Amino acid sequence: MAATVVRYLRSVGAPTTAAQPVEALPRPHLRAVREDERAPVDSAEFRRVLGHFATGVTVVTAPATPAAPVGSAMATVATEAPSTPSAPQAPPTPQGPAGFACQSFASLSLDPPLVSFMVARTSTTWPRIARAGVFCVNILGAGQGDLCRAFAVSGADKFAGVEYDAAPATGSPRLAGAPAWIDCVVHAVHTGGDHLIVVGRVEALGTAEGSGKGSGEGEGAPLLFHRGAFGGFTPHQGK
């Protein structure tokens, strides 16, 4: 069939090959977005408007990490030091448990069971959680505002005077009185602007009611955060 078509084209004088090479279409002009094309949003206004969205409050914790063994890459000092005698290096000390207050916790997937939270890329606590590779999300109750404030402070011993035990799967601190907890291993980490999006695979979870470790008065009621202040939850009685 193809040969017949070629013979016909030749008989009528039609060219069967291109007389001139086909020129490629021009490449699209690629450029960065100009500042005057952006929609600038003031950071204070961003916080103010987004503050109208009420959230629950959690404390994300991770277990203590052991010290790097002497002689490892993390613990070894430089060997190309001056030949003058120097004082012996003290062995590295293990770090205690880590934790920080977090509003940006969310359920992500049922199968497989995944949850997520966001943490600032400038966080000094996140590297310790990443090193542990595991974490526990402690969902705070209505009477735990002071506990949340303690874990929101940078540089302090956040676990001083705080009662907790080890979550069953990862050993991460499970805070006493928290209405619910979710014990996870780090599944994935993604960048999101000035934050990291951490995805955790749930290994165990439970509630204070189920463990018999209730918080007493107001047991099960959540701690909420709205427009810069803590609050509670009142069920709507109407239809």
Protein backbone atom coordinates (compact mmCIF):
# COMPACT_ATOMS: atom_id res chain seq x y z
CA MET A 1 0.00 0.00 0.00
CA ALA A 2 2.78 2.43 0.91
CA ALA A 3 4.67 1.66 -2.34
CA THR A 4 1.55 2.38 -4.38
CA VAL A 5 1.14 5.77 -2.70
CA VAL A 6 4.78 6.68 -3.40
CA ARG A 7 4.43 5.72 -7.12
CA TYR A 8 1.29 7.84 -7.39
CA LEU A 9 2.95 10.88 -5.84
CA ARG A 10 5.87 10.56 -8.21
CA SER A 11 3.53 10.28 -11.22
CA VAL A 12 1.87 13.57 -10.40
CA GLY A 13 5.14 15.31 -9.66
CA ALA A 14 4.63 15.61 -5.91
CA PRO A 15 7.84 15.49 -3.88
CA THR A 16 8.21 12.36 -1.80
CA THR A 17 10.98 13.83 0.37
CA ALA A 18 11.13 17.17 2.09
CA ALA A 19 12.83 19.79 -0.05
CA GLN A 20 13.78 21.83 2.99
CA PRO A 21 14.53 20.54 6.49
CA VAL A 22 11.72 21.08 8.94
CA GLU A 23 12.68 23.73 11.47
CA ALA A 24 11.90 23.08 15.11
CA LEU A 25 9.45 25.34 16.83
CA PRO A 26 11.09 28.07 18.93
CA ARG A 27 11.73 27.10 22.52
CA PRO A 28 9.46 28.77 25.08
CA HIS A 29 10.94 31.70 26.92
CA LEU A 30 11.71 30.55 30.46
CA ARG A 31 12.10 33.13 33.19
CA ALA A 32 11.58 33.56 36.87
CA VAL A 33 8.41 35.14 38.21
CA ARG A 34 8.94 38.86 38.73
CA GLU A 35 8.28 40.43 42.10
CA ASP A 36 5.46 42.53 40.66
CA GLU A 37 3.73 39.32 39.52
CA ARG A 38 3.67 37.80 42.98
CA ALA A 39 0.85 38.15 45.50
CA PRO A 40 2.77 39.38 48.56
CA VAL A 41 1.30 38.39 51.90
CA ASP A 42 2.46 40.05 55.08
CA SER A 43 3.57 37.40 57.59
CA ALA A 44 1.71 39.08 60.46
CA GLU A 45 -1.48 39.20 58.39
CA PHE A 46 -0.96 35.57 57.40
CA ARG A 47 -0.77 34.57 61.07
CA ARG A 48 -3.77 36.72 62.01
CA VAL A 49 -6.07 35.30 59.36
CA LEU A 50 -4.97 31.69 59.76
CA GLY A 51 -5.39 32.06 63.51
CA HIS A 52 -9.15 31.94 62.99
CA PHE A 53 -8.80 28.24 62.29
CA ALA A 54 -9.12 26.46 65.63
CA THR A 55 -6.83 23.48 66.14
CA GLY A 56 -6.14 20.83 68.69
CA VAL A 57 -2.82 20.87 70.52
CA THR A 58 -0.26 18.10 70.81
CA VAL A 59 3.21 17.46 72.17
CA VAL A 60 5.44 15.42 69.87
CA THR A 61 8.05 13.47 71.81
CA ALA A 62 10.98 11.18 71.03
CA PRO A 63 13.06 8.94 73.31
CA ALA A 64 16.53 9.69 74.58
CA THR A 65 19.25 9.01 72.04
CA PRO A 66 22.43 7.20 73.10
CA ALA A 67 25.79 8.86 72.87
CA ALA A 68 27.89 8.06 69.84
CA PRO A 69 30.46 5.39 70.76
CA VAL A 70 34.00 6.62 71.24
CA GLY A 71 35.92 6.18 67.99
CA SER A 72 32.86 6.62 65.77
CA ALA A 73 32.61 9.34 63.13
CA MET A 74 30.38 11.39 65.41
CA ALA A 75 32.58 11.14 68.48
CA THR A 76 36.10 11.18 67.05
CA VAL A 77 38.06 14.44 67.18
CA ALA A 78 40.45 15.43 64.40
CA THR A 79 43.62 13.35 64.34
CA GLU A 80 45.75 16.00 62.60
CA ALA A 81 46.20 17.96 65.81
CA PRO A 82 49.44 19.56 67.00
CA SER A 83 51.86 17.16 68.65
CA THR A 84 51.65 19.01 71.95
CA PRO A 85 49.92 17.05 74.70
CA SER A 86 46.26 17.81 75.23
CA ALA A 87 43.77 16.96 77.89
CA PRO A 88 41.81 13.76 77.30
CA GLN A 89 38.45 14.29 75.64
CA ALA A 90 35.42 13.59 77.81
CA PRO A 91 33.18 10.89 76.35
CA PRO A 92 30.00 12.21 74.75
CA THR A 93 26.97 12.19 76.98
CA PRO A 94 23.62 10.83 75.89
CA GLN A 95 20.80 13.28 75.22
CA GLY A 96 17.57 13.05 77.14
CA PRO A 97 14.14 12.75 75.56
CA ALA A 98 13.02 15.42 73.11
CA GLY A 99 9.68 17.11 72.64
CA PHE A 100 7.92 20.19 71.33
CA ALA A 101 4.41 21.64 71.27
CA CYS A 102 2.71 21.17 67.90
CA GLN A 103 -0.60 22.37 66.46
CA SER A 104 -0.07 21.08 62.94
CA PHE A 105 -0.84 17.43 63.59
CA ALA A 106 -3.26 15.60 61.28
CA SER A 107 -4.48 12.15 60.35
CA LEU A 108 -3.21 11.32 56.86
CA SER A 109 -4.04 7.76 55.79
CA LEU A 110 -6.02 4.79 57.07
CA ASP A 111 -4.33 2.10 54.97
CA PRO A 112 -1.47 2.18 55.72
CA PRO A 113 -2.05 4.06 58.98
CA LEU A 114 -0.20 7.36 58.59
CA VAL A 115 -0.24 10.66 60.45
CA SER A 116 1.65 13.89 59.83
CA PHE A 117 2.90 16.99 61.56
CA MET A 118 4.81 20.09 60.48
CA VAL A 119 7.90 21.46 62.16
CA ALA A 120 9.95 24.58 61.44
CA ARG A 121 13.20 23.93 59.62
CA THR A 122 14.91 26.07 62.28
CA SER A 123 13.72 23.80 65.10
CA THR A 124 16.46 22.57 67.41
CA THR A 125 14.27 19.69 68.61
CA TRP A 126 13.56 18.18 65.20
CA PRO A 127 17.13 16.92 64.59
CA ARG A 128 16.89 14.91 67.82
CA ILE A 129 13.57 13.41 66.76
CA ALA A 130 15.01 12.64 63.33
CA ARG A 131 18.02 10.97 64.94
CA ALA A 132 15.71 8.77 67.01
CA GLY A 133 13.62 7.92 63.93
CA VAL A 134 10.49 7.55 66.05
CA PHE A 135 8.02 9.78 67.86
CA CYS A 136 4.85 9.80 69.92
CA VAL A 137 2.07 12.35 69.41
CA ASN A 138 0.47 13.22 72.74
CA ILE A 139 -2.95 14.82 72.22
CA LEU A 140 -3.39 17.26 75.09
CA GLY A 141 -6.47 17.63 77.21
CA ALA A 142 -8.37 20.70 78.35
CA GLY A 143 -6.39 21.09 81.59
CA GLN A 144 -2.93 20.80 80.04
CA GLY A 145 -2.35 24.35 78.82
CA ASP A 146 0.60 24.84 81.17
CA LEU A 147 2.15 21.60 79.93
CA CYS A 148 1.84 22.86 76.36
CA ARG A 149 3.51 26.16 77.25
CA ALA A 150 6.39 24.30 78.89
CA PHE A 151 7.05 22.34 75.71
CA ALA A 152 6.81 25.50 73.59
CA VAL A 153 9.85 27.02 75.33
CA SER A 154 13.18 26.62 73.54
CA GLY A 155 16.32 25.66 75.40
CA ALA A 156 14.71 24.58 78.67
CA ASP A 157 14.53 21.14 80.28
CA LYS A 158 11.04 20.49 79.02
CA PHE A 159 10.65 17.20 80.88
CA ALA A 160 11.53 18.58 84.32
CA GLY A 161 8.76 17.53 86.67
CA VAL A 162 6.73 15.96 83.85
CA GLU A 163 5.34 12.49 84.48
CA TYR A 164 5.54 10.07 81.55
CA ASP A 165 6.14 6.47 80.64
CA ALA A 166 7.40 4.72 77.51
CA ALA A 167 5.06 4.25 74.57
CA PRO A 168 4.83 0.52 73.77
CA ALA A 169 6.23 0.41 70.23
CA THR A 170 8.99 3.04 70.17
CA GLY A 171 9.69 3.93 73.78
CA SER A 172 8.91 7.59 73.11
CA PRO A 173 7.62 9.53 76.14
CA ARG A 174 3.90 9.09 76.65
CA LEU A 175 2.78 12.03 78.78
CA ALA A 176 0.61 11.35 81.80
CA GLY A 177 -2.93 12.69 81.54
CA ALA A 178 -2.97 13.06 77.76
CA PRO A 179 -6.40 11.93 76.49
CA ALA A 180 -4.83 10.07 73.53
CA TRP A 181 -1.45 9.09 72.09
CA ILE A 182 -0.15 7.84 68.74
CA ASP A 183 3.16 5.95 68.65
CA CYS A 184 4.97 6.19 65.28
CA VAL A 185 8.11 5.59 63.27
CA VAL A 186 9.27 8.26 60.81
CA HIS A 187 7.94 7.20 57.40
CA ALA A 188 8.88 10.18 55.18
CA VAL A 189 9.94 13.82 55.40
CA HIS A 190 9.07 16.44 52.78
CA THR A 191 9.97 20.12 52.48
CA GLY A 192 7.21 22.69 52.64
CA GLY A 193 8.60 26.22 52.48
CA ASP A 194 10.15 27.12 55.83
CA HIS A 195 8.75 23.94 57.41
CA LEU A 196 9.21 20.19 57.10
CA ILE A 197 6.26 17.86 56.61
CA VAL A 198 6.90 14.74 58.67
CA VAL A 199 4.90 11.59 57.92
CA GLY A 200 4.76 8.88 60.55
CA ARG A 201 3.59 5.28 60.30
CA VAL A 202 1.43 4.37 63.30
CA GLU A 203 2.71 1.38 65.24
CA ALA A 204 0.47 1.71 68.30
CA LEU A 205 -2.12 4.10 69.69
CA GLY A 206 -4.58 4.43 72.52
CA THR A 207 -6.56 6.65 74.85
CA ALA A 208 -6.38 7.50 78.53
CA GLU A 209 -9.72 5.79 79.05
CA GLY A 210 -8.41 2.61 77.48
CA SER A 211 -5.23 2.58 79.56
CA GLY A 212 -6.87 3.52 82.85
CA LYS A 213 -4.63 6.62 83.06
CA GLY A 214 -7.31 9.27 82.81
CA SER A 215 -6.68 12.89 83.64
CA GLY A 216 -9.47 13.15 86.16
CA GLU A 217 -11.81 16.12 85.83
CA GLY A 218 -12.58 16.90 82.22
CA GLU A 219 -11.15 13.58 81.10
CA GLY A 220 -11.23 13.29 77.32
CA ALA A 221 -12.01 16.98 76.69
CA PRO A 222 -9.56 18.48 74.20
CA LEU A 223 -7.28 21.48 74.54
CA LEU A 224 -7.97 23.88 71.66
CA PHE A 225 -5.98 26.81 70.32
CA HIS A 226 -7.70 29.73 68.61
CA ARG A 227 -6.45 33.24 67.82
CA GLY A 228 -3.50 33.02 70.18
CA ALA A 229 -5.34 31.61 73.19
CA PHE A 230 -6.22 28.22 74.66
CA GLY A 231 -9.81 27.19 75.05
CA GLY A 232 -12.14 24.26 75.48
CA PHE A 233 -14.90 22.54 73.61
CA THR A 234 -18.63 22.69 74.27
CA PRO A 235 -20.84 20.26 72.33
CA HIS A 236 -23.56 21.91 70.29
CA GLN A 237 -26.96 21.02 71.70
CA GLY A 238 -29.09 22.12 68.78
CA LYS A 239 -29.85 20.29 65.58
